[in-house]
Amino acid sequence: MSEDPLETIILQTINGAITTIPGYMEEIKQNKETLKVENAQEFIYGIVMGMALGMSGAILSAQEKPPTAEEQMKVRDIIYKHIPDIRERIFNSENSK
């Protein structure tokens, strides 16, 4: 686990988002005609990335002062650093089959 509290929160957010994969896969299977998703894994990757970026942005916004550009870049860099793991967990897991 990271010693950086922000990175720890971001990792918790990513891990929480990844736990939603089975539910989203089932939702996509049950609603193929409505959702018209061509690649479920890429769709879920977008959801997980959106959750990570969105929740991290919300955490920064909850501070006493607005986040600086540097803080926003730090969040993005932390999330981007974990993209290989996120993709591995989505594309090579039993959850995605």
PDB file of N, CA and C in Angstrom:
ATOM      1  N   MET A   1       0.835  -1.175   0.000  1.00  0.00           N
ATOM      2  CA  MET A   1       0.000   0.000   0.000  1.00  0.00           C
ATOM      3  C   MET A   1       0.885   1.246   0.000  1.00  0.00           C
ATOM      4  N   SER A   2       0.402   2.274  -0.657  1.00  0.00           N
ATOM      5  CA  SER A   2       1.167   3.510  -0.801  1.00  0.00           C
ATOM      6  C   SER A   2       1.199   4.301   0.508  1.00  0.00           C
ATOM      7  N   GLU A   3       2.275   5.051   0.688  1.00  0.00           N
ATOM      8  CA  GLU A   3       2.370   5.928   1.847  1.00  0.00           C
ATOM      9  C   GLU A   3       1.658   7.259   1.592  1.00  0.00           C
ATOM     10  N   ASP A   4       1.348   7.543   0.343  1.00  0.00           N
ATOM     11  CA  ASP A   4       0.647   8.769  -0.032  1.00  0.00           C
ATOM     12  C   ASP A   4      -0.851   8.561   0.219  1.00  0.00           C
ATOM     13  N   PRO A   5      -1.465   9.356   1.119  1.00  0.00           N
ATOM     14  CA  PRO A   5      -2.889   9.160   1.422  1.00  0.00           C
ATOM     15  C   PRO A   5      -3.787   9.324   0.197  1.00  0.00           C
ATOM     16  N   LEU A   6      -3.443  10.247  -0.698  1.00  0.00           N
ATOM     17  CA  LEU A   6      -4.243  10.439  -1.903  1.00  0.00           C
ATOM     18  C   LEU A   6      -4.183   9.195  -2.783  1.00  0.00           C
ATOM     19  N   GLU A   7      -2.983   8.647  -2.959  1.00  0.00           N
ATOM     20  CA  GLU A   7      -2.857   7.437  -3.771  1.00  0.00           C
ATOM     21  C   GLU A   7      -3.602   6.273  -3.131  1.00  0.00           C
ATOM     22  N   THR A   8      -3.575   6.184  -1.814  1.00  0.00           N
ATOM     23  CA  THR A   8      -4.301   5.119  -1.122  1.00  0.00           C
ATOM     24  C   THR A   8      -5.796   5.220  -1.403  1.00  0.00           C
ATOM     25  N   ILE A   9      -6.335   6.428  -1.348  1.00  0.00           N
ATOM     26  CA  ILE A   9      -7.758   6.625  -1.623  1.00  0.00           C
ATOM     27  C   ILE A   9      -8.073   6.302  -3.077  1.00  0.00           C
ATOM     28  N   ILE A  10      -7.208   6.715  -3.974  1.00  0.00           N
ATOM     29  CA  ILE A  10      -7.420   6.437  -5.398  1.00  0.00           C
ATOM     30  C   ILE A  10      -7.396   4.927  -5.650  1.00  0.00           C
ATOM     31  N   LEU A  11      -6.452   4.232  -5.030  1.00  0.00           N
ATOM     32  CA  LEU A  11      -6.385   2.767  -5.192  1.00  0.00           C
ATOM     33  C   LEU A  11      -7.628   2.094  -4.631  1.00  0.00           C
ATOM     34  N   GLN A  12      -8.132   2.593  -3.516  1.00  0.00           N
ATOM     35  CA  GLN A  12      -9.370   2.045  -2.964  1.00  0.00           C
ATOM     36  C   GLN A  12     -10.528   2.264  -3.939  1.00  0.00           C
ATOM     37  N   THR A  13     -10.555   3.426  -4.564  1.00  0.00           N
ATOM     38  CA  THR A  13     -11.594   3.729  -5.546  1.00  0.00           C
ATOM     39  C   THR A  13     -11.485   2.797  -6.747  1.00  0.00           C
ATOM     40  N   ILE A  14     -10.273   2.614  -7.253  1.00  0.00           N
ATOM     41  CA  ILE A  14     -10.058   1.711  -8.391  1.00  0.00           C
ATOM     42  C   ILE A  14     -10.480   0.293  -8.025  1.00  0.00           C
ATOM     43  N   ASN A  15     -10.050  -0.183  -6.865  1.00  0.00           N
ATOM     44  CA  ASN A  15     -10.403  -1.538  -6.440  1.00  0.00           C
ATOM     45  C   ASN A  15     -11.912  -1.688  -6.274  1.00  0.00           C
ATOM     46  N   GLY A  16     -12.553  -0.670  -5.733  1.00  0.00           N
ATOM     47  CA  GLY A  16     -14.013  -0.708  -5.603  1.00  0.00           C
ATOM     48  C   GLY A  16     -14.689  -0.762  -6.967  1.00  0.00           C
ATOM     49  N   ALA A  17     -14.186   0.019  -7.897  1.00  0.00           N
ATOM     50  CA  ALA A  17     -14.750   0.024  -9.246  1.00  0.00           C
ATOM     51  C   ALA A  17     -14.579  -1.332  -9.908  1.00  0.00           C
ATOM     52  N   ILE A  18     -13.444  -1.954  -9.688  1.00  0.00           N
ATOM     53  CA  ILE A  18     -13.180  -3.262 -10.299  1.00  0.00           C
ATOM     54  C   ILE A  18     -14.131  -4.329  -9.745  1.00  0.00           C
ATOM     55  N   THR A  19     -14.544  -4.179  -8.508  1.00  0.00           N
ATOM     56  CA  THR A  19     -15.481  -5.168  -7.951  1.00  0.00           C
ATOM     57  C   THR A  19     -16.844  -5.110  -8.637  1.00  0.00           C
ATOM     58  N   THR A  20     -17.113  -4.043  -9.380  1.00  0.00           N
ATOM     59  CA  THR A  20     -18.394  -3.919 -10.076  1.00  0.00           C
ATOM     60  C   THR A  20     -18.405  -4.641 -11.424  1.00  0.00           C
ATOM     61  N   ILE A  21     -17.268  -5.156 -11.864  1.00  0.00           N
ATOM     62  CA  ILE A  21     -17.167  -5.779 -13.192  1.00  0.00           C
ATOM     63  C   ILE A  21     -18.210  -6.880 -13.400  1.00  0.00           C
ATOM     64  N   PRO A  22     -18.348  -7.841 -12.503  1.00  0.00           N
ATOM     65  CA  PRO A  22     -19.335  -8.905 -12.766  1.00  0.00           C
ATOM     66  C   PRO A  22     -20.755  -8.360 -12.961  1.00  0.00           C
ATOM     67  N   GLY A  23     -21.129  -7.378 -12.168  1.00  0.00           N
ATOM     68  CA  GLY A  23     -22.459  -6.790 -12.304  1.00  0.00           C
ATOM     69  C   GLY A  23     -22.645  -6.104 -13.642  1.00  0.00           C
ATOM     70  N   TYR A  24     -21.635  -5.357 -14.066  1.00  0.00           N
ATOM     71  CA  TYR A  24     -21.725  -4.696 -15.369  1.00  0.00           C
ATOM     72  C   TYR A  24     -21.741  -5.703 -16.507  1.00  0.00           C
ATOM     73  N   MET A  25     -20.956  -6.760 -16.414  1.00  0.00           N
ATOM     74  CA  MET A  25     -20.952  -7.790 -17.456  1.00  0.00           C
ATOM     75  C   MET A  25     -22.342  -8.409 -17.591  1.00  0.00           C
ATOM     76  N   GLU A  26     -22.954  -8.703 -16.471  1.00  0.00           N
ATOM     77  CA  GLU A  26     -24.300  -9.285 -16.496  1.00  0.00           C
ATOM     78  C   GLU A  26     -25.308  -8.296 -17.074  1.00  0.00           C
ATOM     79  N   GLU A  27     -25.198  -7.050 -16.678  1.00  0.00           N
ATOM     80  CA  GLU A  27     -26.082  -5.999 -17.191  1.00  0.00           C
ATOM     81  C   GLU A  27     -25.953  -5.878 -18.711  1.00  0.00           C
ATOM     82  N   ILE A  28     -24.740  -5.917 -19.203  1.00  0.00           N
ATOM     83  CA  ILE A  28     -24.504  -5.817 -20.648  1.00  0.00           C
ATOM     84  C   ILE A  28     -25.112  -7.022 -21.368  1.00  0.00           C
ATOM     85  N   LYS A  29     -24.928  -8.224 -20.804  1.00  0.00           N
ATOM     86  CA  LYS A  29     -25.495  -9.432 -21.422  1.00  0.00           C
ATOM     87  C   LYS A  29     -27.019  -9.360 -21.481  1.00  0.00           C
ATOM     88  N   GLN A  30     -27.622  -8.888 -20.395  1.00  0.00           N
ATOM     89  CA  GLN A  30     -29.085  -8.859 -20.319  1.00  0.00           C
ATOM     90  C   GLN A  30     -29.700  -7.752 -21.165  1.00  0.00           C
ATOM     91  N   ASN A  31     -28.934  -6.728 -21.483  1.00  0.00           N
ATOM     92  CA  ASN A  31     -29.485  -5.568 -22.183  1.00  0.00           C
ATOM     93  C   ASN A  31     -28.722  -5.238 -23.466  1.00  0.00           C
ATOM     94  N   LYS A  32     -28.309  -6.275 -24.185  1.00  0.00           N
ATOM     95  CA  LYS A  32     -27.517  -6.088 -25.408  1.00  0.00           C
ATOM     96  C   LYS A  32     -28.217  -5.168 -26.413  1.00  0.00           C
ATOM     97  N   GLU A  33     -29.490  -5.393 -26.622  1.00  0.00           N
ATOM     98  CA  GLU A  33     -30.221  -4.609 -27.625  1.00  0.00           C
ATOM     99  C   GLU A  33     -30.331  -3.145 -27.217  1.00  0.00           C
ATOM    100  N   THR A  34     -30.534  -2.879 -25.962  1.00  0.00           N
ATOM    101  CA  THR A  34     -30.674  -1.500 -25.487  1.00  0.00           C
ATOM    102  C   THR A  34     -29.333  -0.785 -25.442  1.00  0.00           C
ATOM    103  N   LEU A  35     -28.339  -1.427 -24.871  1.00  0.00           N
ATOM    104  CA  LEU A  35     -27.034  -0.791 -24.691  1.00  0.00           C
ATOM    105  C   LEU A  35     -26.211  -0.739 -25.971  1.00  0.00           C
ATOM    106  N   LYS A  36     -26.364  -1.737 -26.832  1.00  0.00           N
ATOM    107  CA  LYS A  36     -25.607  -1.810 -28.091  1.00  0.00           C
ATOM    108  C   LYS A  36     -24.093  -1.685 -27.871  1.00  0.00           C
ATOM    109  N   VAL A  37     -23.598  -2.375 -26.861  1.00  0.00           N
ATOM    110  CA  VAL A  37     -22.167  -2.370 -26.555  1.00  0.00           C
ATOM    111  C   VAL A  37     -21.482  -3.407 -27.438  1.00  0.00           C
ATOM    112  N   GLU A  38     -20.497  -2.961 -28.205  1.00  0.00           N
ATOM    113  CA  GLU A  38     -19.787  -3.878 -29.095  1.00  0.00           C
ATOM    114  C   GLU A  38     -18.648  -4.608 -28.386  1.00  0.00           C
ATOM    115  N   ASN A  39     -17.983  -3.944 -27.451  1.00  0.00           N
ATOM    116  CA  ASN A  39     -16.879  -4.566 -26.723  1.00  0.00           C
ATOM    117  C   ASN A  39     -17.092  -4.308 -25.238  1.00  0.00           C
ATOM    118  N   ALA A  40     -17.623  -5.307 -24.548  1.00  0.00           N
ATOM    119  CA  ALA A  40     -17.983  -5.146 -23.140  1.00  0.00           C
ATOM    120  C   ALA A  40     -16.777  -4.780 -22.282  1.00  0.00           C
ATOM    121  N   GLN A  41     -15.625  -5.371 -22.569  1.00  0.00           N
ATOM    122  CA  GLN A  41     -14.444  -5.078 -21.750  1.00  0.00           C
ATOM    123  C   GLN A  41     -14.005  -3.626 -21.902  1.00  0.00           C
ATOM    124  N   GLU A  42     -14.006  -3.100 -23.125  1.00  0.00           N
ATOM    125  CA  GLU A  42     -13.635  -1.704 -23.331  1.00  0.00           C
ATOM    126  C   GLU A  42     -14.660  -0.774 -22.672  1.00  0.00           C
ATOM    127  N   PHE A  43     -15.921  -1.151 -22.760  1.00  0.00           N
ATOM    128  CA  PHE A  43     -16.982  -0.379 -22.127  1.00  0.00           C
ATOM    129  C   PHE A  43     -16.758  -0.317 -20.612  1.00  0.00           C
ATOM    130  N   ILE A  44     -16.456  -1.453 -20.020  1.00  0.00           N
ATOM    131  CA  ILE A  44     -16.221  -1.516 -18.581  1.00  0.00           C
ATOM    132  C   ILE A  44     -14.938  -0.780 -18.210  1.00  0.00           C
ATOM    133  N   TYR A  45     -13.935  -0.860 -19.052  1.00  0.00           N
ATOM    134  CA  TYR A  45     -12.699  -0.097 -18.823  1.00  0.00           C
ATOM    135  C   TYR A  45     -13.034   1.394 -18.737  1.00  0.00           C
ATOM    136  N   GLY A  46     -13.880   1.862 -19.622  1.00  0.00           N
ATOM    137  CA  GLY A  46     -14.306   3.260 -19.587  1.00  0.00           C
ATOM    138  C   GLY A  46     -15.050   3.596 -18.304  1.00  0.00           C
ATOM    139  N   ILE A  47     -15.887   2.689 -17.857  1.00  0.00           N
ATOM    140  CA  ILE A  47     -16.617   2.910 -16.607  1.00  0.00           C
ATOM    141  C   ILE A  47     -15.642   2.998 -15.429  1.00  0.00           C
ATOM    142  N   VAL A  48     -14.718   2.055 -15.349  1.00  0.00           N
ATOM    143  CA  VAL A  48     -13.756   2.031 -14.239  1.00  0.00           C
ATOM    144  C   VAL A  48     -12.892   3.293 -14.251  1.00  0.00           C
ATOM    145  N   MET A  49     -12.405   3.685 -15.430  1.00  0.00           N
ATOM    146  CA  MET A  49     -11.597   4.902 -15.518  1.00  0.00           C
ATOM    147  C   MET A  49     -12.423   6.126 -15.138  1.00  0.00           C
ATOM    148  N   GLY A  50     -13.664   6.174 -15.580  1.00  0.00           N
ATOM    149  CA  GLY A  50     -14.538   7.283 -15.218  1.00  0.00           C
ATOM    150  C   GLY A  50     -14.780   7.354 -13.723  1.00  0.00           C
ATOM    151  N   MET A  51     -14.980   6.187 -13.107  1.00  0.00           N
ATOM    152  CA  MET A  51     -15.168   6.150 -11.656  1.00  0.00           C
ATOM    153  C   MET A  51     -13.906   6.648 -10.947  1.00  0.00           C
ATOM    154  N   ALA A  52     -12.757   6.171 -11.381  1.00  0.00           N
ATOM    155  CA  ALA A  52     -11.499   6.555 -10.732  1.00  0.00           C
ATOM    156  C   ALA A  52     -11.256   8.059 -10.870  1.00  0.00           C
ATOM    157  N   LEU A  53     -11.403   8.580 -12.078  1.00  0.00           N
ATOM    158  CA  LEU A  53     -11.166  10.002 -12.298  1.00  0.00           C
ATOM    159  C   LEU A  53     -12.232  10.860 -11.625  1.00  0.00           C
ATOM    160  N   GLY A  54     -13.478  10.426 -11.720  1.00  0.00           N
ATOM    161  CA  GLY A  54     -14.576  11.189 -11.129  1.00  0.00           C
ATOM    162  C   GLY A  54     -14.516  11.236  -9.612  1.00  0.00           C
ATOM    163  N   MET A  55     -14.322  10.083  -8.998  1.00  0.00           N
ATOM    164  CA  MET A  55     -14.271  10.045  -7.533  1.00  0.00           C
ATOM    165  C   MET A  55     -13.043  10.784  -7.009  1.00  0.00           C
ATOM    166  N   SER A  56     -11.940  10.652  -7.697  1.00  0.00           N
ATOM    167  CA  SER A  56     -10.729  11.350  -7.269  1.00  0.00           C
ATOM    168  C   SER A  56     -10.911  12.858  -7.396  1.00  0.00           C
ATOM    169  N   GLY A  57     -11.573  13.284  -8.460  1.00  0.00           N
ATOM    170  CA  GLY A  57     -11.874  14.704  -8.622  1.00  0.00           C
ATOM    171  C   GLY A  57     -12.799  15.200  -7.527  1.00  0.00           C
ATOM    172  N   ALA A  58     -13.770  14.375  -7.155  1.00  0.00           N
ATOM    173  CA  ALA A  58     -14.689  14.744  -6.082  1.00  0.00           C
ATOM    174  C   ALA A  58     -13.957  14.866  -4.749  1.00  0.00           C
ATOM    175  N   ILE A  59     -13.013  13.979  -4.517  1.00  0.00           N
ATOM    176  CA  ILE A  59     -12.227  14.029  -3.277  1.00  0.00           C
ATOM    177  C   ILE A  59     -11.437  15.327  -3.223  1.00  0.00           C
ATOM    178  N   LEU A  60     -10.799  15.683  -4.327  1.00  0.00           N
ATOM    179  CA  LEU A  60     -10.040  16.936  -4.366  1.00  0.00           C
ATOM    180  C   LEU A  60     -10.956  18.139  -4.161  1.00  0.00           C
ATOM    181  N   SER A  61     -12.128  18.105  -4.750  1.00  0.00           N
ATOM    182  CA  SER A  61     -13.052  19.225  -4.651  1.00  0.00           C
ATOM    183  C   SER A  61     -13.617  19.402  -3.248  1.00  0.00           C
ATOM    184  N   ALA A  62     -13.568  18.351  -2.451  1.00  0.00           N
ATOM    185  CA  ALA A  62     -14.099  18.412  -1.090  1.00  0.00           C
ATOM    186  C   ALA A  62     -13.132  19.092  -0.120  1.00  0.00           C
ATOM    187  N   GLN A  63     -11.967  19.454  -0.591  1.00  0.00           N
ATOM    188  CA  GLN A  63     -11.001  20.133   0.265  1.00  0.00           C
ATOM    189  C   GLN A  63     -11.482  21.550   0.576  1.00  0.00           C
ATOM    190  N   GLU A  64     -10.821  22.187   1.514  1.00  0.00           N
ATOM    191  CA  GLU A  64     -11.190  23.544   1.904  1.00  0.00           C
ATOM    192  C   GLU A  64     -11.020  24.540   0.764  1.00  0.00           C
ATOM    193  N   LYS A  65     -10.011  24.304  -0.068  1.00  0.00           N
ATOM    194  CA  LYS A  65      -9.777  25.219  -1.194  1.00  0.00           C
ATOM    195  C   LYS A  65      -9.840  24.434  -2.490  1.00  0.00           C
ATOM    196  N   PRO A  66     -10.157  25.098  -3.600  1.00  0.00           N
ATOM    197  CA  PRO A  66     -10.219  24.393  -4.887  1.00  0.00           C
ATOM    198  C   PRO A  66      -8.880  23.730  -5.209  1.00  0.00           C
ATOM    199  N   PRO A  67      -8.936  22.574  -5.892  1.00  0.00           N
ATOM    200  CA  PRO A  67      -7.681  21.891  -6.237  1.00  0.00           C
ATOM    201  C   PRO A  67      -6.868  22.713  -7.238  1.00  0.00           C
ATOM    202  N   THR A  68      -5.578  22.657  -7.051  1.00  0.00           N
ATOM    203  CA  THR A  68      -4.678  23.341  -7.976  1.00  0.00           C
ATOM    204  C   THR A  68      -4.502  22.480  -9.221  1.00  0.00           C
ATOM    205  N   ALA A  69      -3.950  23.065 -10.252  1.00  0.00           N
ATOM    206  CA  ALA A  69      -3.647  22.303 -11.471  1.00  0.00           C
ATOM    207  C   ALA A  69      -2.668  21.185 -11.155  1.00  0.00           C
ATOM    208  N   GLU A  70      -1.731  21.465 -10.260  1.00  0.00           N
ATOM    209  CA  GLU A  70      -0.738  20.449  -9.888  1.00  0.00           C
ATOM    210  C   GLU A  70      -1.410  19.260  -9.195  1.00  0.00           C
ATOM    211  N   GLU A  71      -2.364  19.550  -8.313  1.00  0.00           N
ATOM    212  CA  GLU A  71      -3.068  18.459  -7.626  1.00  0.00           C
ATOM    213  C   GLU A  71      -3.874  17.630  -8.618  1.00  0.00           C
ATOM    214  N   GLN A  72      -4.513  18.292  -9.554  1.00  0.00           N
ATOM    215  CA  GLN A  72      -5.283  17.575 -10.567  1.00  0.00           C
ATOM    216  C   GLN A  72      -4.374  16.707 -11.434  1.00  0.00           C
ATOM    217  N   MET A  73      -3.208  17.236 -11.782  1.00  0.00           N
ATOM    218  CA  MET A  73      -2.238  16.452 -12.568  1.00  0.00           C
ATOM    219  C   MET A  73      -1.725  15.267 -11.765  1.00  0.00           C
ATOM    220  N   LYS A  74      -1.517  15.462 -10.457  1.00  0.00           N
ATOM    221  CA  LYS A  74      -1.040  14.376  -9.596  1.00  0.00           C
ATOM    222  C   LYS A  74      -2.053  13.238  -9.583  1.00  0.00           C
ATOM    223  N   VAL A  75      -3.334  13.575  -9.457  1.00  0.00           N
ATOM    224  CA  VAL A  75      -4.387  12.563  -9.465  1.00  0.00           C
ATOM    225  C   VAL A  75      -4.368  11.808 -10.790  1.00  0.00           C
ATOM    226  N   ARG A  76      -4.321  12.539 -11.879  1.00  0.00           N
ATOM    227  CA  ARG A  76      -4.284  11.907 -13.202  1.00  0.00           C
ATOM    228  C   ARG A  76      -3.077  10.992 -13.335  1.00  0.00           C
ATOM    229  N   ASP A  77      -1.912  11.474 -12.886  1.00  0.00           N
ATOM    230  CA  ASP A  77      -0.696  10.672 -12.987  1.00  0.00           C
ATOM    231  C   ASP A  77      -0.795   9.392 -12.154  1.00  0.00           C
ATOM    232  N   ILE A  78      -1.382   9.489 -10.971  1.00  0.00           N
ATOM    233  CA  ILE A  78      -1.548   8.301 -10.117  1.00  0.00           C
ATOM    234  C   ILE A  78      -2.445   7.289 -10.817  1.00  0.00           C
ATOM    235  N   ILE A  79      -3.558   7.760 -11.355  1.00  0.00           N
ATOM    236  CA  ILE A  79      -4.487   6.852 -12.029  1.00  0.00           C
ATOM    237  C   ILE A  79      -3.838   6.250 -13.277  1.00  0.00           C
ATOM    238  N   TYR A  80      -3.196   7.084 -14.066  1.00  0.00           N
ATOM    239  CA  TYR A  80      -2.556   6.590 -15.287  1.00  0.00           C
ATOM    240  C   TYR A  80      -1.468   5.568 -14.980  1.00  0.00           C
ATOM    241  N   LYS A  81      -0.778   5.744 -13.861  1.00  0.00           N
ATOM    242  CA  LYS A  81       0.265   4.790 -13.458  1.00  0.00           C
ATOM    243  C   LYS A  81      -0.330   3.394 -13.253  1.00  0.00           C
ATOM    244  N   HIS A  82      -1.611   3.340 -12.882  1.00  0.00           N
ATOM    245  CA  HIS A  82      -2.258   2.068 -12.591  1.00  0.00           C
ATOM    246  C   HIS A  82      -3.051   1.503 -13.771  1.00  0.00           C
ATOM    247  N   ILE A  83      -2.999   2.163 -14.922  1.00  0.00           N
ATOM    248  CA  ILE A  83      -3.733   1.673 -16.094  1.00  0.00           C
ATOM    249  C   ILE A  83      -3.350   0.239 -16.475  1.00  0.00           C
ATOM    250  N   PRO A  84      -2.064  -0.122 -16.510  1.00  0.00           N
ATOM    251  CA  PRO A  84      -1.755  -1.514 -16.868  1.00  0.00           C
ATOM    252  C   PRO A  84      -2.435  -2.533 -15.940  1.00  0.00           C
ATOM    253  N   ASP A  85      -2.456  -2.259 -14.655  1.00  0.00           N
ATOM    254  CA  ASP A  85      -3.107  -3.165 -13.704  1.00  0.00           C
ATOM    255  C   ASP A  85      -4.621  -3.180 -13.921  1.00  0.00           C
ATOM    256  N   ILE A  86      -5.199  -2.016 -14.150  1.00  0.00           N
ATOM    257  CA  ILE A  86      -6.642  -1.935 -14.384  1.00  0.00           C
ATOM    258  C   ILE A  86      -7.006  -2.766 -15.614  1.00  0.00           C
ATOM    259  N   ARG A  87      -6.275  -2.560 -16.695  1.00  0.00           N
ATOM    260  CA  ARG A  87      -6.561  -3.310 -17.929  1.00  0.00           C
ATOM    261  C   ARG A  87      -6.364  -4.810 -17.721  1.00  0.00           C
ATOM    262  N   GLU A  88      -5.307  -5.178 -17.014  1.00  0.00           N
ATOM    263  CA  GLU A  88      -5.050  -6.597 -16.728  1.00  0.00           C
ATOM    264  C   GLU A  88      -6.231  -7.198 -15.969  1.00  0.00           C
ATOM    265  N   ARG A  89      -6.694  -6.488 -14.978  1.00  0.00           N
ATOM    266  CA  ARG A  89      -7.776  -7.004 -14.138  1.00  0.00           C
ATOM    267  C   ARG A  89      -9.102  -7.076 -14.893  1.00  0.00           C
ATOM    268  N   ILE A  90      -9.290  -6.241 -15.882  1.00  0.00           N
ATOM    269  CA  ILE A  90     -10.526  -6.277 -16.663  1.00  0.00           C
ATOM    270  C   ILE A  90     -10.426  -7.304 -17.790  1.00  0.00           C
ATOM    271  N   PHE A  91      -9.352  -7.266 -18.548  1.00  0.00           N
ATOM    272  CA  PHE A  91      -9.254  -8.064 -19.754  1.00  0.00           C
ATOM    273  C   PHE A  91      -8.784  -9.492 -19.514  1.00  0.00           C
ATOM    274  N   ASN A  92      -8.144  -9.763 -18.390  1.00  0.00           N
ATOM    275  CA  ASN A  92      -7.618 -11.101 -18.150  1.00  0.00           C
ATOM    276  C   ASN A  92      -8.186 -11.752 -16.907  1.00  0.00           C
ATOM    277  N   SER A  93      -9.325 -11.264 -16.455  1.00  0.00           N
ATOM    278  CA  SER A  93      -9.892 -11.837 -15.233  1.00  0.00           C
ATOM    279  C   SER A  93     -11.082 -12.736 -15.571  1.00  0.00           C
ATOM    280  N   GLU A  94     -11.435 -13.565 -14.638  1.00  0.00           N
ATOM    281  CA  GLU A  94     -12.613 -14.400 -14.794  1.00  0.00           C
ATOM    282  C   GLU A  94     -13.865 -13.541 -14.809  1.00  0.00           C
ATOM    283  N   ASN A  95     -13.789 -12.338 -14.211  1.00  0.00           N
ATOM    284  CA  ASN A  95     -14.934 -11.436 -14.174  1.00  0.00           C
ATOM    285  C   ASN A  95     -15.383 -11.032 -15.576  1.00  0.00           C
ATOM    286  N   SER A  96     -14.447 -10.994 -16.505  1.00  0.00           N
ATOM    287  CA  SER A  96     -14.756 -10.442 -17.814  1.00  0.00           C
ATOM    288  C   SER A  96     -15.160 -11.495 -18.839  1.00  0.00           C
ATOM    289  N   LYS A  97     -15.332 -12.716 -18.406  1.00  0.00           N
ATOM    290  CA  LYS A  97     -15.649 -13.785 -19.353  1.00  0.00           C
ATOM    291  C   LYS A  97     -17.108 -14.150 -19.284  1.00  0.00           C
TER     292      LYS A  97
END
